[in-house]
């Protein structure tokens, strides 16, 4: 291998490394923005459950306790997403999937069916 071929391969290797790093950084930015959006939506949902629970408590409704529980669960999910980095979340999802493969496949089926219904309803048929 002559010197110019060696330099070409070295430059090509560095180019691939730079591209890989750029894609990794872009993926991390996208994952972080998705995580931030999820935390914001969970915060809104938690606030809605807290408001509903407060209203139900004013009326001495028996469902107030359930609304409190739902608000607490949403707050816990929000805190989890807020504290974990995207890689940590993916690691937890992978661990859960390995421990519960049937539940994972079933959840994916239900999510796919719901998405299909949602997309069909928006197509104007």
PDB file of N, CA and C in Angstrom:
ATOM      1  N   UNK A   1       0.859  -1.174   0.000  1.00  0.00           N
ATOM      2  CA  UNK A   1       0.000   0.000   0.000  1.00  0.00           C
ATOM      3  C   UNK A   1       0.903   1.236   0.000  1.00  0.00           C
ATOM      4  N   UNK A   2       0.676   2.107  -0.941  1.00  0.00           N
ATOM      5  CA  UNK A   2       1.504   3.310  -1.006  1.00  0.00           C
ATOM      6  C   UNK A   2       0.942   4.384  -0.076  1.00  0.00           C
ATOM      7  N   UNK A   3       1.702   5.459   0.049  1.00  0.00           N
ATOM      8  CA  UNK A   3       1.376   6.512   1.009  1.00  0.00           C
ATOM      9  C   UNK A   3       0.026   7.174   0.718  1.00  0.00           C
ATOM     10  N   UNK A   4      -0.311   7.454  -0.537  1.00  0.00           N
ATOM     11  CA  UNK A   4      -1.568   8.128  -0.869  1.00  0.00           C
ATOM     12  C   UNK A   4      -2.772   7.241  -0.553  1.00  0.00           C
ATOM     13  N   UNK A   5      -2.648   5.935  -0.783  1.00  0.00           N
ATOM     14  CA  UNK A   5      -3.748   5.020  -0.463  1.00  0.00           C
ATOM     15  C   UNK A   5      -3.944   4.951   1.055  1.00  0.00           C
ATOM     16  N   UNK A   6      -2.848   4.939   1.805  1.00  0.00           N
ATOM     17  CA  UNK A   6      -2.916   4.920   3.261  1.00  0.00           C
ATOM     18  C   UNK A   6      -3.612   6.175   3.784  1.00  0.00           C
ATOM     19  N   UNK A   7      -3.232   7.336   3.227  1.00  0.00           N
ATOM     20  CA  UNK A   7      -3.843   8.594   3.655  1.00  0.00           C
ATOM     21  C   UNK A   7      -5.325   8.637   3.301  1.00  0.00           C
ATOM     22  N   UNK A   8      -5.687   8.082   2.129  1.00  0.00           N
ATOM     23  CA  UNK A   8      -7.088   8.031   1.722  1.00  0.00           C
ATOM     24  C   UNK A   8      -7.887   7.188   2.707  1.00  0.00           C
ATOM     25  N   UNK A   9      -7.361   6.009   3.047  1.00  0.00           N
ATOM     26  CA  UNK A   9      -8.074   5.125   3.985  1.00  0.00           C
ATOM     27  C   UNK A   9      -8.165   5.765   5.369  1.00  0.00           C
ATOM     28  N   UNK A  10      -7.115   6.450   5.778  1.00  0.00           N
ATOM     29  CA  UNK A  10      -7.123   7.125   7.074  1.00  0.00           C
ATOM     30  C   UNK A  10      -8.182   8.234   7.079  1.00  0.00           C
ATOM     31  N   UNK A  11      -8.236   9.018   6.007  1.00  0.00           N
ATOM     32  CA  UNK A  11      -9.222  10.094   5.887  1.00  0.00           C
ATOM     33  C   UNK A  11     -10.634   9.525   5.840  1.00  0.00           C
ATOM     34  N   UNK A  12     -10.822   8.440   5.103  1.00  0.00           N
ATOM     35  CA  UNK A  12     -12.126   7.789   5.009  1.00  0.00           C
ATOM     36  C   UNK A  12     -12.568   7.276   6.378  1.00  0.00           C
ATOM     37  N   UNK A  13     -11.649   6.684   7.127  1.00  0.00           N
ATOM     38  CA  UNK A  13     -11.958   6.175   8.461  1.00  0.00           C
ATOM     39  C   UNK A  13     -12.338   7.316   9.405  1.00  0.00           C
ATOM     40  N   UNK A  14     -11.583   8.420   9.343  1.00  0.00           N
ATOM     41  CA  UNK A  14     -11.896   9.574  10.185  1.00  0.00           C
ATOM     42  C   UNK A  14     -13.248  10.162   9.814  1.00  0.00           C
ATOM     43  N   UNK A  15     -13.554  10.182   8.517  1.00  0.00           N
ATOM     44  CA  UNK A  15     -14.835  10.695   8.037  1.00  0.00           C
ATOM     45  C   UNK A  15     -15.993   9.862   8.582  1.00  0.00           C
ATOM     46  N   UNK A  16     -15.840   8.532   8.551  1.00  0.00           N
ATOM     47  CA  UNK A  16     -16.882   7.658   9.103  1.00  0.00           C
ATOM     48  C   UNK A  16     -17.037   7.872  10.592  1.00  0.00           C
ATOM     49  N   UNK A  17     -15.936   8.045  11.288  1.00  0.00           N
ATOM     50  CA  UNK A  17     -15.978   8.278  12.727  1.00  0.00           C
ATOM     51  C   UNK A  17     -16.687   9.594  13.045  1.00  0.00           C
ATOM     52  N   UNK A  18     -16.367  10.644  12.267  1.00  0.00           N
ATOM     53  CA  UNK A  18     -17.014  11.944  12.462  1.00  0.00           C
ATOM     54  C   UNK A  18     -18.514  11.851  12.202  1.00  0.00           C
ATOM     55  N   UNK A  19     -18.891  11.130  11.140  1.00  0.00           N
ATOM     56  CA  UNK A  19     -20.297  10.978  10.794  1.00  0.00           C
ATOM     57  C   UNK A  19     -21.026  10.201  11.894  1.00  0.00           C
ATOM     58  N   UNK A  20     -20.388   9.167  12.392  1.00  0.00           N
ATOM     59  CA  UNK A  20     -20.990   8.372  13.461  1.00  0.00           C
ATOM     60  C   UNK A  20     -21.205   9.218  14.709  1.00  0.00           C
ATOM     61  N   UNK A  21     -20.220  10.015  15.057  1.00  0.00           N
ATOM     62  CA  UNK A  21     -20.334  10.886  16.231  1.00  0.00           C
ATOM     63  C   UNK A  21     -21.428  11.928  16.025  1.00  0.00           C
ATOM     64  N   UNK A  22     -21.513  12.476  14.827  1.00  0.00           N
ATOM     65  CA  UNK A  22     -22.545  13.464  14.520  1.00  0.00           C
ATOM     66  C   UNK A  22     -23.937  12.852  14.641  1.00  0.00           C
ATOM     67  N   UNK A  23     -24.108  11.643  14.115  1.00  0.00           N
ATOM     68  CA  UNK A  23     -25.404  10.967  14.220  1.00  0.00           C
ATOM     69  C   UNK A  23     -25.747  10.653  15.669  1.00  0.00           C
ATOM     70  N   UNK A  24     -24.763  10.261  16.441  1.00  0.00           N
ATOM     71  CA  UNK A  24     -24.985   9.957  17.860  1.00  0.00           C
ATOM     72  C   UNK A  24     -25.434  11.212  18.599  1.00  0.00           C
ATOM     73  N   UNK A  25     -24.766  12.341  18.340  1.00  0.00           N
ATOM     74  CA  UNK A  25     -25.143  13.600  18.982  1.00  0.00           C
ATOM     75  C   UNK A  25     -26.546  14.034  18.574  1.00  0.00           C
ATOM     76  N   UNK A  26     -26.860  13.879  17.290  1.00  0.00           N
ATOM     77  CA  UNK A  26     -28.192  14.250  16.805  1.00  0.00           C
ATOM     78  C   UNK A  26     -29.262  13.369  17.448  1.00  0.00           C
ATOM     79  N   UNK A  27     -28.978  12.075  17.579  1.00  0.00           N
ATOM     80  CA  UNK A  27     -29.908  11.161  18.243  1.00  0.00           C
ATOM     81  C   UNK A  27     -30.118  11.533  19.699  1.00  0.00           C
ATOM     82  N   UNK A  28     -29.034  11.913  20.380  1.00  0.00           N
ATOM     83  CA  UNK A  28     -29.148  12.325  21.783  1.00  0.00           C
ATOM     84  C   UNK A  28     -29.979  13.595  21.928  1.00  0.00           C
ATOM     85  N   UNK A  29     -29.777  14.564  21.023  1.00  0.00           N
ATOM     86  CA  UNK A  29     -30.581  15.792  21.072  1.00  0.00           C
ATOM     87  C   UNK A  29     -32.058  15.478  20.849  1.00  0.00           C
ATOM     88  N   UNK A  30     -32.332  14.614  19.878  1.00  0.00           N
ATOM     89  CA  UNK A  30     -33.718  14.239  19.588  1.00  0.00           C
ATOM     90  C   UNK A  30     -34.341  13.510  20.777  1.00  0.00           C
ATOM     91  N   UNK A  31     -33.597  12.586  21.371  1.00  0.00           N
ATOM     92  CA  UNK A  31     -34.106  11.850  22.533  1.00  0.00           C
ATOM     93  C   UNK A  31     -34.369  12.794  23.705  1.00  0.00           C
ATOM     94  N   UNK A  32     -33.473  13.738  23.928  1.00  0.00           N
ATOM     95  CA  UNK A  32     -33.668  14.697  25.026  1.00  0.00           C
ATOM     96  C   UNK A  32     -34.866  15.600  24.788  1.00  0.00           C
ATOM     97  N   UNK A  33     -35.074  16.017  23.530  1.00  0.00           N
ATOM     98  CA  UNK A  33     -36.245  16.863  23.262  1.00  0.00           C
ATOM     99  C   UNK A  33     -37.535  16.061  23.420  1.00  0.00           C
ATOM    100  N   UNK A  34     -37.517  14.780  23.032  1.00  0.00           N
ATOM    101  CA  UNK A  34     -38.686  13.922  23.244  1.00  0.00           C
ATOM    102  C   UNK A  34     -38.954  13.708  24.721  1.00  0.00           C
ATOM    103  N   UNK A  35     -37.899  13.533  25.491  1.00  0.00           N
ATOM    104  CA  UNK A  35     -38.038  13.354  26.939  1.00  0.00           C
ATOM    105  C   UNK A  35     -38.620  14.609  27.569  1.00  0.00           C
ATOM    106  N   UNK A  36     -38.139  15.773  27.154  1.00  0.00           N
ATOM    107  CA  UNK A  36     -38.645  17.039  27.683  1.00  0.00           C
ATOM    108  C   UNK A  36     -40.125  17.215  27.358  1.00  0.00           C
ATOM    109  N   UNK A  37     -40.519  16.890  26.124  1.00  0.00           N
ATOM    110  CA  UNK A  37     -41.925  16.997  25.731  1.00  0.00           C
ATOM    111  C   UNK A  37     -42.782  16.033  26.544  1.00  0.00           C
ATOM    112  N   UNK A  38     -42.277  14.830  26.794  1.00  0.00           N
ATOM    113  CA  UNK A  38     -43.017  13.845  27.588  1.00  0.00           C
ATOM    114  C   UNK A  38     -43.215  14.346  29.012  1.00  0.00           C
ATOM    115  N   UNK A  39     -42.173  14.908  29.604  1.00  0.00           N
ATOM    116  CA  UNK A  39     -42.275  15.434  30.973  1.00  0.00           C
ATOM    117  C   UNK A  39     -43.298  16.573  31.027  1.00  0.00           C
ATOM    118  N   UNK A  40     -43.289  17.443  30.018  1.00  0.00           N
ATOM    119  CA  UNK A  40     -44.251  18.549  29.993  1.00  0.00           C
ATOM    120  C   UNK A  40     -45.688  18.044  29.890  1.00  0.00           C
ATOM    121  N   UNK A  41     -45.915  17.054  29.030  1.00  0.00           N
ATOM    122  CA  UNK A  41     -47.274  16.504  28.879  1.00  0.00           C
ATOM    123  C   UNK A  41     -47.711  15.772  30.140  1.00  0.00           C
ATOM    124  N   UNK A  42     -46.804  15.025  30.761  1.00  0.00           N
ATOM    125  CA  UNK A  42     -47.151  14.343  32.008  1.00  0.00           C
ATOM    126  C   UNK A  42     -47.455  15.359  33.110  1.00  0.00           C
ATOM    127  N   UNK A  43     -46.758  16.475  33.108  1.00  0.00           N
ATOM    128  CA  UNK A  43     -47.026  17.522  34.092  1.00  0.00           C
ATOM    129  C   UNK A  43     -48.435  18.080  33.912  1.00  0.00           C
ATOM    130  N   UNK A  44     -48.819  18.328  32.652  1.00  0.00           N
ATOM    131  CA  UNK A  44     -50.171  18.822  32.367  1.00  0.00           C
ATOM    132  C   UNK A  44     -51.222  17.799  32.797  1.00  0.00           C
ATOM    133  N   UNK A  45     -50.969  16.527  32.488  1.00  0.00           N
ATOM    134  CA  UNK A  45     -51.911  15.465  32.852  1.00  0.00           C
ATOM    135  C   UNK A  45     -52.023  15.353  34.371  1.00  0.00           C
ATOM    136  N   UNK A  46     -50.886  15.421  35.058  1.00  0.00           N
ATOM    137  CA  UNK A  46     -50.898  15.366  36.523  1.00  0.00           C
ATOM    138  C   UNK A  46     -51.677  16.517  37.122  1.00  0.00           C
ATOM    139  N   UNK A  47     -51.485  17.712  36.570  1.00  0.00           N
ATOM    140  CA  UNK A  47     -52.234  18.879  37.055  1.00  0.00           C
ATOM    141  C   UNK A  47     -53.735  18.695  36.847  1.00  0.00           C
ATOM    142  N   UNK A  48     -54.109  18.109  35.720  1.00  0.00           N
ATOM    143  CA  UNK A  48     -55.531  17.867  35.447  1.00  0.00           C
ATOM    144  C   UNK A  48     -56.110  16.872  36.454  1.00  0.00           C
ATOM    145  N   UNK A  49     -55.358  15.812  36.755  1.00  0.00           N
ATOM    146  CA  UNK A  49     -55.840  14.833  37.747  1.00  0.00           C
ATOM    147  C   UNK A  49     -55.934  15.464  39.132  1.00  0.00           C
ATOM    148  N   UNK A  50     -54.956  16.297  39.489  1.00  0.00           N
ATOM    149  CA  UNK A  50     -55.006  16.974  40.794  1.00  0.00           C
ATOM    150  C   UNK A  50     -56.221  17.898  40.875  1.00  0.00           C
ATOM    151  N   UNK A  51     -56.489  18.631  39.801  1.00  0.00           N
ATOM    152  CA  UNK A  51     -57.653  19.532  39.786  1.00  0.00           C
ATOM    153  C   UNK A  51     -58.948  18.735  39.892  1.00  0.00           C
ATOM    154  N   UNK A  52     -59.020  17.611  39.175  1.00  0.00           N
ATOM    155  CA  UNK A  52     -60.219  16.767  39.246  1.00  0.00           C
ATOM    156  C   UNK A  52     -60.390  16.196  40.646  1.00  0.00           C
ATOM    157  N   UNK A  53     -59.297  15.777  41.252  1.00  0.00           N
ATOM    158  CA  UNK A  53     -59.364  15.227  42.612  1.00  0.00           C
ATOM    159  C   UNK A  53     -59.834  16.293  43.594  1.00  0.00           C
ATOM    160  N   UNK A  54     -59.316  17.508  43.460  1.00  0.00           N
ATOM    161  CA  UNK A  54     -59.734  18.592  44.352  1.00  0.00           C
ATOM    162  C   UNK A  54     -61.234  18.860  44.212  1.00  0.00           C
ATOM    163  N   UNK A  55     -61.715  18.876  42.981  1.00  0.00           N
ATOM    164  CA  UNK A  55     -63.139  19.121  42.731  1.00  0.00           C
ATOM    165  C   UNK A  55     -63.987  17.993  43.328  1.00  0.00           C
ATOM    166  N   UNK A  56     -63.511  16.760  43.159  1.00  0.00           N
ATOM    167  CA  UNK A  56     -64.257  15.617  43.708  1.00  0.00           C
ATOM    168  C   UNK A  56     -64.240  15.625  45.232  1.00  0.00           C
ATOM    169  N   UNK A  57     -63.129  16.057  45.835  1.00  0.00           N
ATOM    170  CA  UNK A  57     -63.075  16.152  47.301  1.00  0.00           C
ATOM    171  C   UNK A  57     -64.072  17.187  47.805  1.00  0.00           C
ATOM    172  N   UNK A  58     -64.225  18.295  47.076  1.00  0.00           N
ATOM    173  CA  UNK A  58     -65.193  19.329  47.465  1.00  0.00           C
ATOM    174  C   UNK A  58     -66.614  18.767  47.486  1.00  0.00           C
ATOM    175  N   UNK A  59     -66.880  17.830  46.587  1.00  0.00           N
ATOM    176  CA  UNK A  59     -68.216  17.246  46.475  1.00  0.00           C
ATOM    177  C   UNK A  59     -68.362  15.961  47.291  1.00  0.00           C
ATOM    178  N   UNK A  60     -67.308  15.616  48.055  1.00  0.00           N
ATOM    179  CA  UNK A  60     -67.298  14.381  48.847  1.00  0.00           C
ATOM    180  C   UNK A  60     -67.614  13.159  47.985  1.00  0.00           C
ATOM    181  N   UNK A  61     -67.079  13.146  46.820  1.00  0.00           N
ATOM    182  CA  UNK A  61     -67.310  12.050  45.874  1.00  0.00           C
ATOM    183  C   UNK A  61     -66.383  10.875  46.206  1.00  0.00           C
ATOM    184  N   UNK A  62     -66.897   9.658  46.050  1.00  0.00           N
ATOM    185  CA  UNK A  62     -66.093   8.475  46.361  1.00  0.00           C
ATOM    186  C   UNK A  62     -64.962   8.245  45.350  1.00  0.00           C
ATOM    187  N   UNK A  63     -65.006   8.903  44.202  1.00  0.00           N
ATOM    188  CA  UNK A  63     -63.967   8.734  43.190  1.00  0.00           C
ATOM    189  C   UNK A  63     -62.769   9.664  43.413  1.00  0.00           C
ATOM    190  N   UNK A  64     -62.843  10.512  44.415  1.00  0.00           N
ATOM    191  CA  UNK A  64     -61.752  11.449  44.700  1.00  0.00           C
ATOM    192  C   UNK A  64     -60.463  10.698  45.017  1.00  0.00           C
ATOM    193  N   UNK A  65     -60.585   9.602  45.764  1.00  0.00           N
ATOM    194  CA  UNK A  65     -59.402   8.812  46.119  1.00  0.00           C
ATOM    195  C   UNK A  65     -58.746   8.228  44.868  1.00  0.00           C
ATOM    196  N   UNK A  66     -59.536   7.777  43.916  1.00  0.00           N
ATOM    197  CA  UNK A  66     -58.993   7.229  42.667  1.00  0.00           C
ATOM    198  C   UNK A  66     -58.283   8.316  41.866  1.00  0.00           C
ATOM    199  N   UNK A  67     -58.861   9.504  41.844  1.00  0.00           N
ATOM    200  CA  UNK A  67     -58.231  10.615  41.128  1.00  0.00           C
ATOM    201  C   UNK A  67     -56.914  10.998  41.797  1.00  0.00           C
ATOM    202  N   UNK A  68     -56.892  10.952  43.138  1.00  0.00           N
ATOM    203  CA  UNK A  68     -55.641  11.200  43.862  1.00  0.00           C
ATOM    204  C   UNK A  68     -54.579  10.163  43.504  1.00  0.00           C
ATOM    205  N   UNK A  69     -54.989   8.899  43.456  1.00  0.00           N
ATOM    206  CA  UNK A  69     -54.049   7.827  43.092  1.00  0.00           C
ATOM    207  C   UNK A  69     -53.521   8.020  41.678  1.00  0.00           C
ATOM    208  N   UNK A  70     -54.411   8.345  40.749  1.00  0.00           N
ATOM    209  CA  UNK A  70     -53.999   8.562  39.363  1.00  0.00           C
ATOM    210  C   UNK A  70     -53.025   9.733  39.278  1.00  0.00           C
ATOM    211  N   UNK A  71     -53.307  10.807  39.993  1.00  0.00           N
ATOM    212  CA  UNK A  71     -52.418  11.972  40.001  1.00  0.00           C
ATOM    213  C   UNK A  71     -51.045  11.595  40.558  1.00  0.00           C
ATOM    214  N   UNK A  72     -51.038  10.795  41.608  1.00  0.00           N
ATOM    215  CA  UNK A  72     -49.779  10.348  42.200  1.00  0.00           C
ATOM    216  C   UNK A  72     -48.965   9.492  41.239  1.00  0.00           C
ATOM    217  N   UNK A  73     -49.640   8.607  40.517  1.00  0.00           N
ATOM    218  CA  UNK A  73     -48.940   7.757  39.540  1.00  0.00           C
ATOM    219  C   UNK A  73     -48.363   8.582  38.394  1.00  0.00           C
ATOM    220  N   UNK A  74     -49.141   9.538  37.912  1.00  0.00           N
ATOM    221  CA  UNK A  74     -48.656  10.395  36.820  1.00  0.00           C
ATOM    222  C   UNK A  74     -47.467  11.223  37.310  1.00  0.00           C
ATOM    223  N   UNK A  75     -47.546  11.743  38.538  1.00  0.00           N
ATOM    224  CA  UNK A  75     -46.423  12.501  39.100  1.00  0.00           C
ATOM    225  C   UNK A  75     -45.177  11.623  39.220  1.00  0.00           C
ATOM    226  N   UNK A  76     -45.360  10.370  39.629  1.00  0.00           N
ATOM    227  CA  UNK A  76     -44.218   9.451  39.743  1.00  0.00           C
ATOM    228  C   UNK A  76     -43.590   9.184  38.376  1.00  0.00           C
ATOM    229  N   UNK A  77     -44.435   9.008  37.341  1.00  0.00           N
ATOM    230  CA  UNK A  77     -43.908   8.808  35.990  1.00  0.00           C
ATOM    231  C   UNK A  77     -43.155  10.048  35.525  1.00  0.00           C
ATOM    232  N   UNK A  78     -43.716  11.217  35.796  1.00  0.00           N
ATOM    233  CA  UNK A  78     -43.068  12.470  35.409  1.00  0.00           C
ATOM    234  C   UNK A  78     -41.703  12.585  36.078  1.00  0.00           C
ATOM    235  N   UNK A  79     -41.636  12.271  37.366  1.00  0.00           N
ATOM    236  CA  UNK A  79     -40.369  12.329  38.094  1.00  0.00           C
ATOM    237  C   UNK A  79     -39.363  11.330  37.538  1.00  0.00           C
ATOM    238  N   UNK A  80     -39.832  10.135  37.192  1.00  0.00           N
ATOM    239  CA  UNK A  80     -38.953   9.108  36.619  1.00  0.00           C
ATOM    240  C   UNK A  80     -38.331   9.612  35.322  1.00  0.00           C
ATOM    241  N   UNK A  81     -39.174  10.123  34.410  1.00  0.00           N
ATOM    242  CA  UNK A  81     -38.666  10.616  33.131  1.00  0.00           C
ATOM    243  C   UNK A  81     -37.761  11.830  33.328  1.00  0.00           C
ATOM    244  N   UNK A  82     -38.074  12.659  34.299  1.00  0.00           N
ATOM    245  CA  UNK A  82     -37.285  13.858  34.559  1.00  0.00           C
ATOM    246  C   UNK A  82     -35.894  13.507  35.091  1.00  0.00           C
ATOM    247  N   UNK A  83     -35.800  12.461  35.922  1.00  0.00           N
ATOM    248  CA  UNK A  83     -34.532  12.101  36.563  1.00  0.00           C
ATOM    249  C   UNK A  83     -33.636  11.239  35.688  1.00  0.00           C
ATOM    250  N   UNK A  84     -34.212  10.430  34.807  1.00  0.00           N
ATOM    251  CA  UNK A  84     -33.428   9.496  33.988  1.00  0.00           C
ATOM    252  C   UNK A  84     -32.986  10.149  32.692  1.00  0.00           C
ATOM    253  N   UNK A  85     -31.826   9.729  32.206  1.00  0.00           N
ATOM    254  CA  UNK A  85     -31.404  10.157  30.879  1.00  0.00           C
ATOM    255  C   UNK A  85     -31.997   9.177  29.860  1.00  0.00           C
ATOM    256  N   UNK A  86     -32.066   9.561  28.591  1.00  0.00           N
ATOM    257  CA  UNK A  86     -32.699   8.693  27.585  1.00  0.00           C
ATOM    258  C   UNK A  86     -32.090   7.287  27.523  1.00  0.00           C
ATOM    259  N   UNK A  87     -30.775   7.177  27.688  1.00  0.00           N
ATOM    260  CA  UNK A  87     -30.145   5.856  27.655  1.00  0.00           C
ATOM    261  C   UNK A  87     -30.610   5.001  28.834  1.00  0.00           C
ATOM    262  N   UNK A  88     -30.737   5.621  29.993  1.00  0.00           N
ATOM    263  CA  UNK A  88     -31.224   4.901  31.171  1.00  0.00           C
ATOM    264  C   UNK A  88     -32.655   4.423  30.987  1.00  0.00           C
ATOM    265  N   UNK A  89     -33.484   5.247  30.344  1.00  0.00           N
ATOM    266  CA  UNK A  89     -34.866   4.851  30.070  1.00  0.00           C
ATOM    267  C   UNK A  89     -34.892   3.661  29.119  1.00  0.00           C
ATOM    268  N   UNK A  90     -34.068   3.731  28.062  1.00  0.00           N
ATOM    269  CA  UNK A  90     -34.013   2.623  27.099  1.00  0.00           C
ATOM    270  C   UNK A  90     -33.515   1.344  27.767  1.00  0.00           C
ATOM    271  N   UNK A  91     -32.530   1.460  28.656  1.00  0.00           N
ATOM    272  CA  UNK A  91     -32.030   0.289  29.377  1.00  0.00           C
ATOM    273  C   UNK A  91     -33.140  -0.327  30.225  1.00  0.00           C
ATOM    274  N   UNK A  92     -33.924   0.512  30.895  1.00  0.00           N
ATOM    275  CA  UNK A  92     -35.026   0.010  31.718  1.00  0.00           C
ATOM    276  C   UNK A  92     -36.099  -0.667  30.856  1.00  0.00           C
ATOM    277  N   UNK A  93     -36.394  -0.086  29.698  1.00  0.00           N
ATOM    278  CA  UNK A  93     -37.382  -0.681  28.788  1.00  0.00           C
ATOM    279  C   UNK A  93     -36.890  -2.033  28.291  1.00  0.00           C
ATOM    280  N   UNK A  94     -35.605  -2.113  27.942  1.00  0.00           N
ATOM    281  CA  UNK A  94     -35.048  -3.384  27.476  1.00  0.00           C
ATOM    282  C   UNK A  94     -35.084  -4.436  28.578  1.00  0.00           C
ATOM    283  N   UNK A  95     -34.732  -4.049  29.794  1.00  0.00           N
ATOM    284  CA  UNK A  95     -34.789  -4.993  30.923  1.00  0.00           C
ATOM    285  C   UNK A  95     -36.217  -5.490  31.143  1.00  0.00           C
ATOM    286  N   UNK A  96     -37.188  -4.571  31.098  1.00  0.00           N
ATOM    287  CA  UNK A  96     -38.583  -4.955  31.274  1.00  0.00           C
ATOM    288  C   UNK A  96     -39.019  -5.916  30.170  1.00  0.00           C
ATOM    289  N   UNK A  97     -38.611  -5.622  28.943  1.00  0.00           N
ATOM    290  CA  UNK A  97     -38.993  -6.468  27.806  1.00  0.00           C
ATOM    291  C   UNK A  97     -38.407  -7.867  27.927  1.00  0.00           C
ATOM    292  N   UNK A  98     -37.211  -7.964  28.446  1.00  0.00           N
ATOM    293  CA  UNK A  98     -36.584  -9.279  28.630  1.00  0.00           C
ATOM    294  C   UNK A  98     -37.291 -10.082  29.723  1.00  0.00           C
ATOM    295  N   UNK A  99     -37.735  -9.394  30.761  1.00  0.00           N
ATOM    296  CA  UNK A  99     -38.424 -10.090  31.855  1.00  0.00           C
ATOM    297  C   UNK A  99     -39.867 -10.418  31.527  1.00  0.00           C
ATOM    298  N   UNK A 100     -40.508  -9.616  30.661  1.00  0.00           N
ATOM    299  CA  UNK A 100     -41.931  -9.769  30.341  1.00  0.00           C
ATOM    300  C   UNK A 100     -42.160  -9.738  28.829  1.00  0.00           C
ATOM    301  N   UNK A 101     -41.664 -10.731  28.095  1.00  0.00           N
ATOM    302  CA  UNK A 101     -41.772 -10.664  26.630  1.00  0.00           C
ATOM    303  C   UNK A 101     -43.217 -10.704  26.129  1.00  0.00           C
ATOM    304  N   UNK A 102     -44.069 -11.488  26.761  1.00  0.00           N
ATOM    305  CA  UNK A 102     -45.454 -11.595  26.294  1.00  0.00           C
ATOM    306  C   UNK A 102     -46.214 -10.298  26.535  1.00  0.00           C
ATOM    307  N   UNK A 103     -45.983  -9.696  27.676  1.00  0.00           N
ATOM    308  CA  UNK A 103     -46.623  -8.416  27.980  1.00  0.00           C
ATOM    309  C   UNK A 103     -46.136  -7.335  27.010  1.00  0.00           C
ATOM    310  N   UNK A 104     -44.858  -7.380  26.670  1.00  0.00           N
ATOM    311  CA  UNK A 104     -44.299  -6.412  25.726  1.00  0.00           C
ATOM    312  C   UNK A 104     -44.937  -6.553  24.353  1.00  0.00           C
ATOM    313  N   UNK A 105     -45.035  -7.786  23.855  1.00  0.00           N
ATOM    314  CA  UNK A 105     -45.633  -8.023  22.532  1.00  0.00           C
ATOM    315  C   UNK A 105     -47.112  -7.632  22.553  1.00  0.00           C
ATOM    316  N   UNK A 106     -47.806  -7.982  23.624  1.00  0.00           N
ATOM    317  CA  UNK A 106     -49.219  -7.616  23.744  1.00  0.00           C
ATOM    318  C   UNK A 106     -49.411  -6.105  23.768  1.00  0.00           C
ATOM    319  N   UNK A 107     -48.544  -5.415  24.494  1.00  0.00           N
ATOM    320  CA  UNK A 107     -48.626  -3.947  24.554  1.00  0.00           C
ATOM    321  C   UNK A 107     -48.359  -3.328  23.188  1.00  0.00           C
ATOM    322  N   UNK A 108     -47.396  -3.888  22.473  1.00  0.00           N
ATOM    323  CA  UNK A 108     -47.090  -3.375  21.132  1.00  0.00           C
ATOM    324  C   UNK A 108     -48.282  -3.598  20.201  1.00  0.00           C
ATOM    325  N   UNK A 109     -48.953  -4.745  20.336  1.00  0.00           N
ATOM    326  CA  UNK A 109     -50.132  -5.028  19.513  1.00  0.00           C
ATOM    327  C   UNK A 109     -51.246  -4.023  19.804  1.00  0.00           C
ATOM    328  N   UNK A 110     -51.522  -3.799  21.076  1.00  0.00           N
ATOM    329  CA  UNK A 110     -52.581  -2.858  21.464  1.00  0.00           C
ATOM    330  C   UNK A 110     -52.230  -1.444  20.984  1.00  0.00           C
ATOM    331  N   UNK A 111     -50.972  -1.040  21.159  1.00  0.00           N
ATOM    332  CA  UNK A 111     -50.561   0.297  20.705  1.00  0.00           C
ATOM    333  C   UNK A 111     -50.693   0.408  19.183  1.00  0.00           C
ATOM    334  N   UNK A 112     -50.331  -0.642  18.458  1.00  0.00           N
ATOM    335  CA  UNK A 112     -50.457  -0.629  16.998  1.00  0.00           C
ATOM    336  C   UNK A 112     -51.908  -0.547  16.560  1.00  0.00           C
ATOM    337  N   UNK A 113     -52.781  -1.301  17.240  1.00  0.00           N
ATOM    338  CA  UNK A 113     -54.202  -1.269  16.908  1.00  0.00           C
ATOM    339  C   UNK A 113     -54.791   0.120  17.192  1.00  0.00           C
ATOM    340  N   UNK A 114     -54.398   0.711  18.319  1.00  0.00           N
ATOM    341  CA  UNK A 114     -54.892   2.050  18.665  1.00  0.00           C
ATOM    342  C   UNK A 114     -54.391   3.086  17.655  1.00  0.00           C
ATOM    343  N   UNK A 115     -53.130   2.979  17.271  1.00  0.00           N
ATOM    344  CA  UNK A 115     -52.576   3.904  16.278  1.00  0.00           C
ATOM    345  C   UNK A 115     -53.284   3.743  14.940  1.00  0.00           C
ATOM    346  N   UNK A 116     -53.570   2.501  14.567  1.00  0.00           N
ATOM    347  CA  UNK A 116     -54.280   2.240  13.312  1.00  0.00           C
ATOM    348  C   UNK A 116     -55.670   2.871  13.331  1.00  0.00           C
ATOM    349  N   UNK A 117     -56.383   2.713  14.427  1.00  0.00           N
ATOM    350  CA  UNK A 117     -57.719   3.309  14.552  1.00  0.00           C
ATOM    351  C   UNK A 117     -57.636   4.833  14.497  1.00  0.00           C
ATOM    352  N   UNK A 118     -56.633   5.375  15.162  1.00  0.00           N
ATOM    353  CA  UNK A 118     -56.447   6.818  15.169  1.00  0.00           C
ATOM    354  C   UNK A 118     -56.173   7.328  13.761  1.00  0.00           C
ATOM    355  N   UNK A 119     -55.296   6.664  13.056  1.00  0.00           N
ATOM    356  CA  UNK A 119     -54.961   7.093  11.699  1.00  0.00           C
ATOM    357  C   UNK A 119     -56.147   6.931  10.744  1.00  0.00           C
ATOM    358  N   UNK A 120     -56.930   5.855  10.918  1.00  0.00           N
ATOM    359  CA  UNK A 120     -58.115   5.670  10.075  1.00  0.00           C
ATOM    360  C   UNK A 120     -59.143   6.757  10.337  1.00  0.00           C
ATOM    361  N   UNK A 121     -59.312   7.131  11.590  1.00  0.00           N
ATOM    362  CA  UNK A 121     -60.321   8.147  11.917  1.00  0.00           C
ATOM    363  C   UNK A 121     -59.930   9.510  11.345  1.00  0.00           C
ATOM    364  N   UNK A 122     -58.659   9.753  11.203  1.00  0.00           N
ATOM    365  CA  UNK A 122     -58.215  11.036  10.667  1.00  0.00           C
ATOM    366  C   UNK A 122     -58.136  11.086   9.161  1.00  0.00           C
ATOM    367  N   UNK A 123     -58.335   9.947   8.483  1.00  0.00           N
ATOM    368  CA  UNK A 123     -58.180   9.929   7.027  1.00  0.00           C
ATOM    369  C   UNK A 123     -59.422  10.411   6.302  1.00  0.00           C
ATOM    370  N   UNK A 124     -60.531  10.594   7.011  1.00  0.00           N
ATOM    371  CA  UNK A 124     -61.753  11.143   6.417  1.00  0.00           C
ATOM    372  C   UNK A 124     -62.588  10.105   5.698  1.00  0.00           C
ATOM    373  N   UNK A 125     -62.485   8.856   6.070  1.00  0.00           N
ATOM    374  CA  UNK A 125     -63.295   7.796   5.463  1.00  0.00           C
ATOM    375  C   UNK A 125     -64.689   7.803   5.995  1.00  0.00           C
TER     376      UNK A 125
END
